[in-house]
Protein backbone atom coordinates (compact mmCIF):
# COMPACT_ATOMS: atom_id res chain seq x y z
CA MET A 1 8.64 53.69 -59.86
CA ALA A 2 7.36 57.03 -58.59
CA ARG A 3 5.75 59.43 -61.01
CA ARG A 4 8.05 62.23 -62.13
CA GLY A 5 5.56 64.84 -60.92
CA GLY A 6 5.46 63.50 -57.35
CA TRP A 7 3.10 61.16 -55.58
CA ARG A 8 -0.24 60.06 -56.95
CA SER A 9 -3.28 62.07 -55.92
CA ALA A 10 -6.19 60.57 -53.99
CA GLN A 11 -8.32 60.60 -57.14
CA GLN A 12 -5.63 58.84 -59.17
CA ALA A 13 -5.32 56.21 -56.41
CA LYS A 14 -9.09 55.68 -56.49
CA VAL A 15 -8.91 55.09 -60.23
CA ASP A 16 -6.04 52.62 -59.65
CA LEU A 17 -8.23 50.68 -57.21
CA GLN A 18 -11.15 50.63 -59.66
CA ARG A 19 -8.94 49.40 -62.51
CA TRP A 20 -7.44 46.72 -60.30
CA HIS A 21 -10.88 45.29 -59.46
CA ALA A 22 -12.01 45.47 -63.07
CA SER A 23 -8.83 43.75 -64.33
CA HIS A 24 -10.14 40.34 -63.18
CA TRP A 25 -12.59 38.73 -65.60
CA MET A 26 -15.06 38.03 -62.77
CA GLY A 27 -14.45 41.34 -60.99
CA PRO A 28 -17.00 44.18 -60.64
CA GLY A 29 -16.82 46.69 -63.47
CA ASN A 30 -17.75 49.82 -61.53
CA MET A 31 -17.16 50.41 -57.82
CA GLN A 32 -16.64 54.17 -57.82
CA GLU A 33 -19.90 54.90 -56.02
CA ASN A 34 -19.17 52.34 -53.28
CA VAL A 35 -15.65 53.61 -52.47
CA ARG A 36 -15.11 56.57 -50.18
CA ASP A 37 -12.34 59.07 -50.82
CA GLY A 38 -8.91 57.83 -49.83
CA MET A 39 -7.34 58.94 -46.54
CA PRO A 40 -3.60 59.73 -46.86
CA TYR A 41 -1.23 58.05 -44.39
CA LEU A 42 2.54 57.82 -43.95
CA LEU A 43 3.10 54.27 -42.70
CA PRO A 44 6.25 53.55 -40.62
CA PHE A 45 8.46 50.70 -41.79
CA ARG A 46 11.60 49.13 -40.38
CA VAL A 47 13.75 48.15 -43.35
CA PHE A 48 16.39 45.47 -42.74
CA ARG A 49 19.41 44.37 -44.73
CA ALA A 50 21.13 41.19 -43.54
CA HIS A 51 23.89 38.76 -44.46
CA VAL A 52 22.40 35.36 -43.71
CA GLU A 53 23.78 31.86 -43.54
CA GLY A 54 21.16 29.27 -44.45
CA LYS A 55 20.77 25.52 -44.52
CA ALA A 56 17.96 23.56 -46.18
CA THR A 57 17.40 19.82 -45.84
CA THR A 58 15.00 18.07 -48.21
CA VAL A 59 13.71 14.70 -47.02
CA TYR A 60 12.06 12.42 -49.59
CA GLU A 61 9.52 9.67 -49.01
CA ASP A 62 12.07 6.89 -49.62
CA GLY A 63 14.17 8.16 -46.70
CA THR A 64 16.90 9.89 -48.73
CA SER A 65 17.78 13.48 -47.96
CA VAL A 66 19.68 16.30 -49.65
CA SER A 67 21.22 19.23 -47.77
CA GLU A 68 22.11 22.64 -49.14
CA THR A 69 23.94 25.55 -47.51
CA TRP A 70 24.32 29.13 -48.69
CA LYS A 71 25.31 32.64 -47.70
CA LYS A 72 23.41 35.55 -49.14
CA GLU A 73 22.60 39.20 -48.57
CA TYR A 74 18.87 39.87 -48.25
CA HIS A 75 17.20 43.24 -48.64
CA VAL A 76 13.73 44.53 -49.39
CA GLU A 77 14.12 44.19 -53.17
CA ASN A 78 14.85 40.43 -53.15
CA ALA A 79 12.90 39.66 -49.94
CA PRO A 80 9.81 41.85 -49.30
CA SER A 81 9.54 40.50 -45.74
CA MET A 82 12.66 42.55 -44.86
CA ALA A 83 10.41 45.64 -44.77
CA VAL A 84 8.20 45.35 -41.68
CA TYR A 85 5.23 47.60 -41.01
CA ALA A 86 6.12 48.88 -37.52
CA SER A 87 2.69 49.95 -36.25
CA PHE A 88 -0.53 48.28 -35.14
CA ARG A 89 -2.90 50.96 -36.38
CA HIS A 90 -3.90 49.38 -39.69
CA ARG A 91 -4.32 45.89 -41.06
CA ARG A 92 -0.89 44.35 -41.47
CA ASP A 93 -1.72 42.29 -44.56
CA LEU A 94 -2.69 45.44 -46.48
CA ALA A 95 0.30 47.47 -45.29
CA GLN A 96 2.76 44.70 -46.18
CA GLN A 97 1.30 44.29 -49.68
CA ALA A 98 1.82 48.00 -50.31
CA VAL A 99 5.61 47.63 -49.95
CA VAL A 100 7.49 49.25 -52.84
CA GLY A 101 10.95 47.70 -52.55
CA GLU A 102 13.10 49.95 -54.72
CA TRP A 103 11.56 53.17 -53.40
CA MET A 104 11.97 52.05 -49.78
CA ASP A 105 15.57 51.01 -50.35
CA ASN A 106 16.37 54.41 -51.83
CA ASN A 107 14.54 56.52 -49.23
CA ALA A 108 15.16 54.68 -45.94
CA VAL A 109 17.56 56.33 -43.48
CA PRO A 110 19.86 54.70 -40.88
CA PHE A 111 18.38 53.84 -37.50
CA ARG A 112 20.45 53.74 -34.31
CA GLY A 113 18.04 53.60 -31.42
CA HIS A 114 16.69 57.04 -30.53
CA HIS A 115 19.44 58.72 -32.54
CA ALA A 116 17.99 57.99 -35.96
CA LYS A 117 18.89 60.28 -38.77
CA LYS A 118 15.90 62.51 -39.55
CA GLU A 119 13.97 61.59 -42.67
CA THR A 120 13.52 64.00 -45.50
CA ASP A 121 9.86 65.03 -45.38
CA PRO A 122 8.56 64.59 -48.95
CA THR A 123 5.22 66.20 -48.02
CA LYS A 124 7.06 69.55 -47.94
CA ARG A 125 7.74 69.37 -51.65
CA SER A 126 5.55 71.68 -53.72
CA GLU A 127 4.12 68.82 -55.82
CA ASN A 128 2.93 66.95 -52.70
CA GLN A 129 1.42 69.88 -50.81
CA GLY A 130 -2.28 70.59 -50.56
CA MET A 131 -3.16 67.43 -48.60
CA LYS A 132 -2.74 66.66 -44.91
CA TRP A 133 -0.81 63.42 -44.46
CA THR A 134 -1.21 61.51 -41.17
CA ARG A 135 2.24 60.40 -40.03
CA GLU A 136 2.18 57.29 -37.83
CA THR A 137 4.79 56.51 -35.18
CA TRP A 138 6.79 53.32 -34.63
CA ASN A 139 5.13 51.35 -31.84
CA MET A 140 6.50 47.90 -32.73
CA LYS A 141 9.75 46.98 -31.00
CA SER A 142 12.80 46.52 -33.18
CA SER A 143 13.36 42.97 -31.85
CA MET A 144 9.79 41.96 -32.69
CA ALA A 145 10.07 43.46 -36.18
CA TRP A 146 13.34 41.61 -36.85
CA ASN A 147 11.77 38.35 -35.68
CA LEU A 148 8.89 38.83 -38.14
CA ALA A 149 11.34 39.65 -40.93
CA LEU A 150 13.42 36.53 -40.25
CA LEU A 151 10.37 34.26 -39.98
CA GLY A 152 9.03 35.69 -43.24
CA LEU A 153 12.39 35.17 -44.93
CA ARG A 154 12.55 31.58 -43.71
CA ASN A 155 9.02 30.95 -45.00
CA GLN A 156 9.99 32.43 -48.39
CA GLU A 157 13.06 30.17 -48.72
CA LYS A 158 11.17 27.11 -47.49
CA ARG A 159 8.26 27.67 -49.89
CA THR A 160 10.62 28.10 -52.86
CA ARG A 161 12.52 24.88 -52.13
CA LEU A 162 9.40 22.92 -51.28
CA GLU A 163 7.82 23.75 -54.65
CA LYS A 164 10.91 22.41 -56.43
CA ALA A 165 11.09 19.31 -54.23
CA LYS A 166 7.42 18.41 -54.78
CA GLU A 167 7.99 18.35 -58.54
CA LYS A 168 10.19 15.31 -57.87
CA ASP A 169 8.32 13.85 -54.89
CA PRO A 170 4.85 15.14 -53.80
CA GLN A 171 5.54 13.78 -50.28
CA ALA A 172 8.85 15.62 -49.86
CA LYS A 173 9.46 17.74 -46.77
CA VAL A 174 11.85 20.66 -46.39
CA LYS A 175 13.46 22.05 -43.25
CA VAL A 176 15.15 25.45 -43.33
CA THR A 177 17.28 27.15 -40.69
CA LEU A 178 18.70 30.66 -41.02
CA LYS A 179 21.40 32.43 -39.04
CA ALA A 180 22.00 36.16 -39.42
CA LEU A 181 25.72 36.93 -39.55
CA ARG A 182 25.15 40.68 -39.48
CA ARG A 183 22.30 43.08 -40.13
CA THR A 184 21.45 46.74 -40.36
CA GLN A 185 18.20 48.57 -39.81
CA ARG A 186 16.80 51.67 -41.47
CA ILE A 187 13.48 53.47 -41.23
CA VAL A 188 11.11 55.04 -43.72
CA HIS A 189 7.55 56.35 -43.94
CA ALA A 190 5.69 54.91 -46.95
CA PRO A 191 2.84 57.02 -48.43
CA VAL A 192 -0.45 55.20 -49.00
CA TYR A 193 -4.14 55.98 -49.40
CA LEU A 194 -6.58 54.02 -47.25
CA PHE A 195 -9.98 53.35 -48.84
CA GLU A 196 -13.12 52.03 -47.17
CA TYR A 197 -16.10 50.60 -49.06
CA GLN A 198 -18.96 48.10 -48.87
CA PHE A 199 -19.44 45.10 -51.11
CA GLY A 200 -21.55 41.97 -50.79
CA GLU A 201 -23.42 40.77 -47.72
CA LYS A 202 -22.92 38.77 -44.55
CA HIS A 203 -24.94 37.62 -41.58
CA GLY A 204 -24.83 39.93 -38.57
CA ARG A 205 -24.65 38.87 -34.93
CA ALA A 206 -28.43 38.54 -34.72
CA GLY A 207 -28.60 36.58 -37.99
CA GLU A 208 -29.71 39.55 -40.07
CA ILE A 209 -28.20 40.22 -43.50
CA VAL A 210 -25.98 43.31 -43.48
CA PRO A 211 -23.56 44.88 -46.00
CA GLN A 212 -19.95 43.71 -45.70
CA SER A 213 -17.29 46.38 -45.22
CA PHE A 214 -13.77 46.24 -46.65
CA GLN A 215 -10.57 48.24 -46.68
CA ALA A 216 -7.94 48.68 -49.38
CA MET A 217 -4.59 50.46 -49.63
CA VAL A 218 -3.02 52.03 -52.69
CA SER A 219 0.60 53.15 -52.74
CA ALA A 220 1.02 56.83 -53.55
CA VAL A 221 4.42 56.00 -55.03
CA ASP A 222 3.49 53.71 -57.91
CA GLY A 223 -0.20 52.79 -57.52
CA THR A 224 0.39 49.31 -56.08
CA VAL A 225 -2.99 48.02 -54.84
CA ALA A 226 -3.47 45.93 -51.68
CA ALA A 227 -7.07 44.73 -51.59
CA GLN A 228 -9.33 41.72 -51.64
CA ARG A 229 -10.74 40.37 -54.91
CA HIS A 230 -14.53 40.49 -55.37
CA LEU A 231 -16.95 38.61 -57.62
CA SER A 232 -19.44 40.53 -59.74
CA ALA A 233 -22.97 39.27 -59.01
CA PRO A 234 -24.23 39.69 -62.61
CA LYS A 235 -21.15 37.94 -64.02
CA ALA A 236 -21.43 35.09 -61.49
CA SER A 237 -25.12 34.64 -62.33
CA LEU A 238 -24.39 34.65 -66.06
CA VAL A 239 -21.57 32.10 -65.77
CA ALA A 240 -23.57 29.78 -63.48
CA GLY A 241 -26.64 29.93 -65.72
CA ALA A 242 -24.67 29.41 -68.91
CA THR A 243 -22.83 26.46 -67.39
CA VAL A 244 -26.04 24.67 -66.43
CA LEU A 245 -27.70 25.41 -69.77
CA SER A 246 -24.74 24.16 -71.79
CA ALA A 247 -24.31 21.05 -69.61
CA THR A 248 -28.03 20.21 -69.76
CA GLY A 249 -28.19 20.77 -73.50
CA LEU A 250 -25.17 18.55 -74.06
CA MET A 251 -26.73 15.82 -71.94
CA ASP A 252 -29.95 16.02 -73.96
CA LEU A 253 -28.11 15.69 -77.24
CA LEU A 254 -25.71 12.89 -76.27
CA MET A 255 -27.72 10.80 -73.86
CA GLY A 256 -31.37 11.54 -74.53
CA SER A 257 -31.78 12.68 -70.93
CA PRO A 258 -35.27 12.75 -69.36
CA LEU A 259 -34.52 16.39 -68.59
CA ALA A 260 -35.32 17.11 -72.24
CA SER A 261 -39.00 17.17 -71.35
CA LEU A 262 -38.46 19.80 -68.65
CA ASP A 263 -37.93 23.51 -68.98
CA VAL A 264 -34.15 23.83 -69.29
CA GLY A 265 -34.50 27.54 -68.69
CA PHE A 266 -35.75 26.76 -65.17
CA PHE A 267 -32.44 25.13 -64.26
CA GLY A 268 -30.57 28.03 -65.76
CA ALA A 269 -32.57 30.50 -63.67
CA VAL A 270 -31.96 28.50 -60.47
CA ALA A 271 -28.24 28.32 -61.19
CA ALA A 272 -28.11 32.03 -61.95
CA ALA A 273 -29.82 32.83 -58.64
CA ALA A 274 -27.41 30.55 -56.81
CA GLY A 275 -24.48 32.29 -58.50
CA ASN A 276 -25.83 35.68 -57.44
CA VAL A 277 -26.16 34.58 -53.81
CA ALA A 278 -22.72 32.95 -53.84
CA SER A 279 -21.07 36.11 -55.14
CA ARG A 280 -22.67 38.25 -52.42
CA HIS A 281 -21.73 35.85 -49.58
CA PHE A 282 -18.48 34.58 -51.06
CA HIS A 283 -16.14 36.55 -48.80
CA ALA A 284 -17.93 35.64 -45.57
CA TRP A 285 -17.76 31.94 -46.51
CA LYS A 286 -14.12 32.19 -47.52
CA GLN A 287 -13.18 33.85 -44.22
CA GLN A 288 -14.74 30.94 -42.31
CA LEU A 289 -12.91 28.36 -44.45
CA ASP A 290 -9.58 30.20 -44.06
CA GLU A 291 -10.05 30.35 -40.30
CA ARG A 292 -10.74 26.61 -40.09
CA GLU A 293 -7.67 25.87 -42.20
CA ARG A 294 -5.46 28.02 -39.95
CA PHE A 295 -6.71 26.24 -36.83
CA ARG A 296 -6.07 22.85 -38.48
CA MET A 297 -2.51 23.82 -39.41
CA GLU A 298 -1.83 25.15 -35.90
CA GLU A 299 -3.15 21.93 -34.34
CA ASN A 300 -0.90 19.84 -36.61
CA ALA A 301 2.07 22.06 -35.82
CA PHE A 302 1.44 21.68 -32.08
CA GLU A 303 1.25 17.89 -32.48
CA ARG A 304 4.61 17.84 -34.28
CA THR A 305 6.14 20.22 -31.75
CA ALA A 306 5.00 18.16 -28.78
CA GLU A 307 6.34 14.97 -30.35
CA GLU A 308 9.67 16.38 -31.45
CA LEU A 309 10.30 18.20 -28.16
CA ALA A 310 11.34 14.82 -26.86
CA GLY A 311 13.91 14.46 -29.64
CA PRO A 312 17.19 16.23 -30.44
CA SER A 313 16.98 20.02 -30.54
CA LYS A 314 17.97 20.19 -34.22
CA ARG A 315 14.89 18.19 -35.12
CA GLU A 316 12.75 20.42 -32.98
CA GLU A 317 13.91 23.81 -34.24
CA ASP A 318 12.19 23.69 -37.63
CA THR A 319 8.86 22.71 -36.09
CA MET A 320 9.09 25.39 -33.40
CA LEU A 321 9.75 28.06 -36.04
CA GLU A 322 6.86 26.76 -38.13
CA LEU A 323 4.57 27.04 -35.13
CA GLU A 324 5.75 30.60 -34.45
CA TRP A 325 5.04 31.58 -38.06
CA LEU A 326 1.53 30.08 -37.90
CA GLU A 327 0.87 31.95 -34.64
CA TRP A 328 1.83 35.26 -36.25
CA MET A 329 -0.30 34.45 -39.31
CA ARG A 330 -3.24 33.82 -37.02
CA TRP A 331 -2.54 37.11 -35.23
CA MET A 332 -2.56 38.91 -38.59
CA GLU A 333 -5.52 37.14 -40.22
CA GLN A 334 -8.00 36.33 -37.48
CA ASP A 335 -10.94 38.74 -37.55
CA LYS A 336 -8.81 41.19 -39.54
CA HIS A 337 -11.89 43.00 -40.87
CA HIS A 338 -12.51 44.24 -37.31
CA TRP A 339 -8.95 45.42 -36.66
CA ARG A 340 -8.41 47.37 -33.42
CA GLU A 341 -5.03 48.97 -32.72
CA GLU A 342 -5.04 48.52 -28.93
CA THR A 343 -6.29 44.92 -29.02
CA ARG A 344 -3.93 43.88 -31.81
CA GLY A 345 -0.94 45.55 -30.12
CA ALA A 346 -1.61 43.85 -26.78
CA TRP A 347 -2.03 40.51 -28.54
CA ALA A 348 1.28 40.94 -30.38
CA GLU A 349 3.11 41.83 -27.16
CA ALA A 350 1.69 38.80 -25.34
CA LEU A 351 2.50 36.50 -28.27
CA TRP A 352 6.06 37.81 -28.53
CA LYS A 353 6.67 37.26 -24.79
CA ARG A 354 5.21 33.74 -24.98
CA GLN A 355 7.46 32.82 -27.90
CA LEU A 356 10.52 34.18 -26.14
CA ALA A 357 9.60 32.21 -23.02
CA ARG A 358 9.16 29.08 -25.16
CA ARG A 359 12.62 29.53 -26.66
CA LEU A 360 14.18 29.93 -23.22
CA GLN A 361 12.22 26.94 -22.03
CA ARG A 362 13.54 24.90 -24.93
CA LEU A 363 17.11 25.75 -23.94
CA TYR A 364 16.27 24.84 -20.35
CA HIS A 365 14.79 21.53 -21.53
CA GLU A 366 17.98 20.72 -23.40
CA GLU A 367 20.12 21.45 -20.34
CA ARG A 368 17.79 19.50 -18.07
CA ILE A 369 17.66 16.48 -20.37
CA GLU A 370 21.43 16.53 -20.72
CA LYS A 371 21.77 16.67 -16.91
CA GLU A 372 19.29 13.81 -16.48
CA ARG A 373 21.17 11.81 -19.10
CA ARG A 374 24.45 12.35 -17.32
CA ILE A 375 23.06 11.44 -13.90
CA HIS A 376 21.30 8.37 -15.28
CA GLY A 377 24.44 7.26 -17.11
CA GLU A 378 26.61 7.70 -14.01
CA ARG A 379 24.17 5.73 -11.89
CA MET A 380 23.99 2.89 -14.39
CA ALA A 381 27.79 2.88 -14.68
CA ARG A 382 28.10 2.53 -10.87
CA GLU A 383 25.64 -0.36 -10.91
CA ALA A 384 27.56 -2.00 -13.73
CA ARG A 385 30.84 -1.71 -11.80
CA HIS A 386 29.12 -3.12 -8.74
CA ARG A 387 27.89 -6.11 -10.72
CA GLU A 388 31.31 -6.65 -12.24
CA ARG A 389 32.95 -6.61 -8.82
CA PHE A 390 30.41 -8.54 -6.76
CA GLY A 391 28.48 -10.44 -9.43
CA SER A 392 24.74 -10.69 -10.09
CA ARG A 393 22.12 -11.86 -7.72
CA PRO A 394 20.74 -15.36 -8.47
CA GLU A 395 17.34 -14.02 -9.46
CA ASP A 396 18.94 -11.59 -11.91
CA GLU A 397 20.79 -14.15 -14.04
CA GLY A 398 20.54 -13.32 -17.73
CA SER A 399 19.14 -9.80 -17.22
CA TRP A 400 19.61 -7.09 -14.66
CA HIS A 401 16.36 -5.82 -13.09
CA TRP A 402 15.98 -2.77 -10.90
CA ARG A 403 14.66 -4.26 -7.66
CA GLY A 404 12.76 -6.83 -9.71
CA ARG A 405 10.37 -4.24 -11.21
CA ARG A 406 9.73 -3.84 -14.94
CA ASP A 407 8.80 -0.11 -14.81
CA HIS A 408 11.63 0.71 -12.38
CA LEU A 409 11.81 4.45 -13.27
CA GLY A 410 8.08 4.94 -13.78
CA TYR A 411 8.32 5.82 -17.48
CA TYR A 412 5.18 3.87 -18.41
CA ARG A 413 3.31 5.22 -15.41
CA ILE A 414 4.07 8.86 -16.22
CA LEU A 415 2.60 8.36 -19.72
CA GLY A 416 -0.53 6.82 -18.20
CA LEU A 417 0.17 3.25 -19.37
CA GLU A 418 -0.91 0.90 -16.59
CA GLU A 419 0.11 -2.38 -18.30
CA PRO A 420 3.63 -2.02 -19.76
CA GLU A 421 3.67 -5.61 -21.07
CA ASP A 422 0.85 -4.86 -23.54
CA ALA A 423 1.99 -1.37 -24.65
CA SER A 424 2.74 -1.14 -28.39
CA GLN A 425 4.64 1.70 -30.07
CA GLU A 426 1.31 3.14 -31.25
CA ASP A 427 -0.02 3.00 -27.67
CA ILE A 428 3.09 4.77 -26.42
CA LYS A 429 2.81 7.49 -29.07
CA LYS A 430 -0.88 8.12 -28.34
CA ALA A 431 -0.21 8.19 -24.60
CA PHE A 432 2.61 10.71 -25.10
CA HIS A 433 0.42 13.02 -27.23
CA SER A 434 -2.31 12.91 -24.60
CA ALA A 435 0.10 13.55 -21.70
CA ALA A 436 1.99 16.28 -23.60
CA LYS A 437 -1.22 18.15 -24.39
CA LYS A 438 -2.36 17.91 -20.79
CA TRP A 439 0.90 19.10 -19.24
CA HIS A 440 2.32 21.47 -21.87
CA PRO A 441 3.29 24.70 -20.00
CA ASP A 442 1.64 26.89 -22.65
CA MET A 443 -1.72 25.50 -21.55
CA TYR A 444 -1.41 27.16 -18.13
CA THR A 445 -1.29 30.79 -17.02
CA ALA A 446 -0.89 30.73 -13.23
CA GLU A 447 2.81 30.85 -12.31
CA GLN A 448 2.70 28.03 -9.76
CA THR A 449 0.64 25.75 -12.00
CA LYS A 450 2.86 26.58 -14.99
CA GLU A 451 5.98 25.61 -13.02
CA GLU A 452 4.41 22.31 -11.95
CA ALA A 453 3.32 21.59 -15.54
CA SER A 454 6.81 22.40 -16.83
CA SER A 455 8.38 19.93 -14.40
CA GLN A 456 5.90 17.22 -15.33
CA PHE A 457 6.37 17.93 -19.04
CA LYS A 458 10.13 17.40 -18.74
CA ARG A 459 9.58 13.97 -17.15
CA ILE A 460 7.15 13.08 -19.95
CA GLN A 461 9.79 14.06 -22.54
CA ILE A 462 12.44 11.84 -20.95
CA ALA A 463 10.04 8.88 -20.69
CA TYR A 464 9.00 9.15 -24.33
CA THR A 465 12.61 9.52 -25.48
CA ILE A 466 13.35 6.06 -24.02
CA LEU A 467 10.13 4.21 -24.82
CA ARG A 468 9.77 5.33 -28.44
CA ASP A 469 13.15 3.77 -29.31
CA PRO A 470 12.65 -0.04 -29.61
CA GLU A 471 16.26 -0.80 -28.61
CA LYS A 472 16.25 1.50 -25.57
CA LYS A 473 12.77 0.28 -24.63
CA ALA A 474 13.97 -3.32 -24.64
CA MET A 475 16.93 -2.38 -22.44
CA TYR A 476 14.65 -0.44 -20.09
CA ASP A 477 12.16 -3.31 -19.90
CA ALA A 478 15.02 -5.67 -19.04
CA GLY A 479 16.38 -3.23 -16.46
CA ARG A 480 19.70 -2.93 -18.25
CA ALA A 481 21.88 0.21 -18.24
CA LEU A 482 21.16 2.84 -20.89
CA ASP A 483 23.98 4.83 -22.48
CA ALA A 484 21.87 7.97 -22.99
CA VAL A 485 18.50 9.44 -22.26
CA GLY A 486 18.44 11.80 -25.28
């Protein structure tokens, strides 16, 4: 809640940041001298309230599944993702952590395009005067902000249900789909202080060791801190040294270790030095590990998306949304300590357009596959009627072949399988992954090449849809009519 006397001062916010760091048992005790004075900003937020219809399906390792449906009203107090920082000027992860739900819900005003009701300017109040607040403008589109809010809400619901499901089955998987029945949008400027400081070290571009810079935000409303945790070098050294000393001493007592003849203090000193170095380089190492993990998750998501694109659209939707969420997380997290407004804004716009194009492409795929299925079914039905009326050719007794060829529609050939007789299901799956990666439209930028890749990718989808199903594959191999292509 806000202080009765108005917003917190810059000095009070600085104290809040210091206390927050010191609250962790391994945190630095005094950072006042490293932290510059806070810069006051009014951050623009789009605040949504929506009535949502949701469905969650939990699939367990034994093949059983449980579905759940619900209708619920979401707002910033029960779903923080419904407040979206609508600018690219500052780091999004810090701005989103500084969300104060109840205050935003009480102070946001209705938004109707360019005819938004004017906000009450709290900086005009006597208790908040004396400091120049920088008011940012909204430069994130409303549609993009709503997409981020909905993806964040879906991730929140999925994470909650997945935690419960894994208590029963560690291998459980959860799929969540949300549909907004109606929504409203309001706007508000949230007051925060932006702090900049240096802590620890990292390797520069030329390999030299340089101080590492950080940013933090503190809400002027209630002192909520959005920052990165740090390790105190002296505390890390003390813990590492004490751990080695205690472990070595225990080994000497219980096992008569040969280390008893050595200077145990030497090992303690080495461990303490290692702890000191680790604490100073901890954040640089962690950033590298986080980046590798994000790339791994994106690669896995792309693999699932490429595979499930060939399946029914309902199976595909959850994976597509998961991929979109990972793409936005990468946009927010990658190289965030070197945030640039223009670069980040252009990246967001390009990503948003690519995701919209992918959604339209998915709808086009569904229509195209349905059309191909219908044409294929009609053709096979005509052939079946012809056989019924005129009978089979002598060489076709027992099975109907298309002009005597096994791969009569080229499904094996389009996946790159030259010998259909020896192709196993694992071979077909690997061939599909390879072909899908090569011809996925997102891998191309030139319009003509992208169109060619899209056409080829559709044919790959249809081929894999048939060949991955053992029953349909057997019918295709025998040249018999197939009821459906999807």
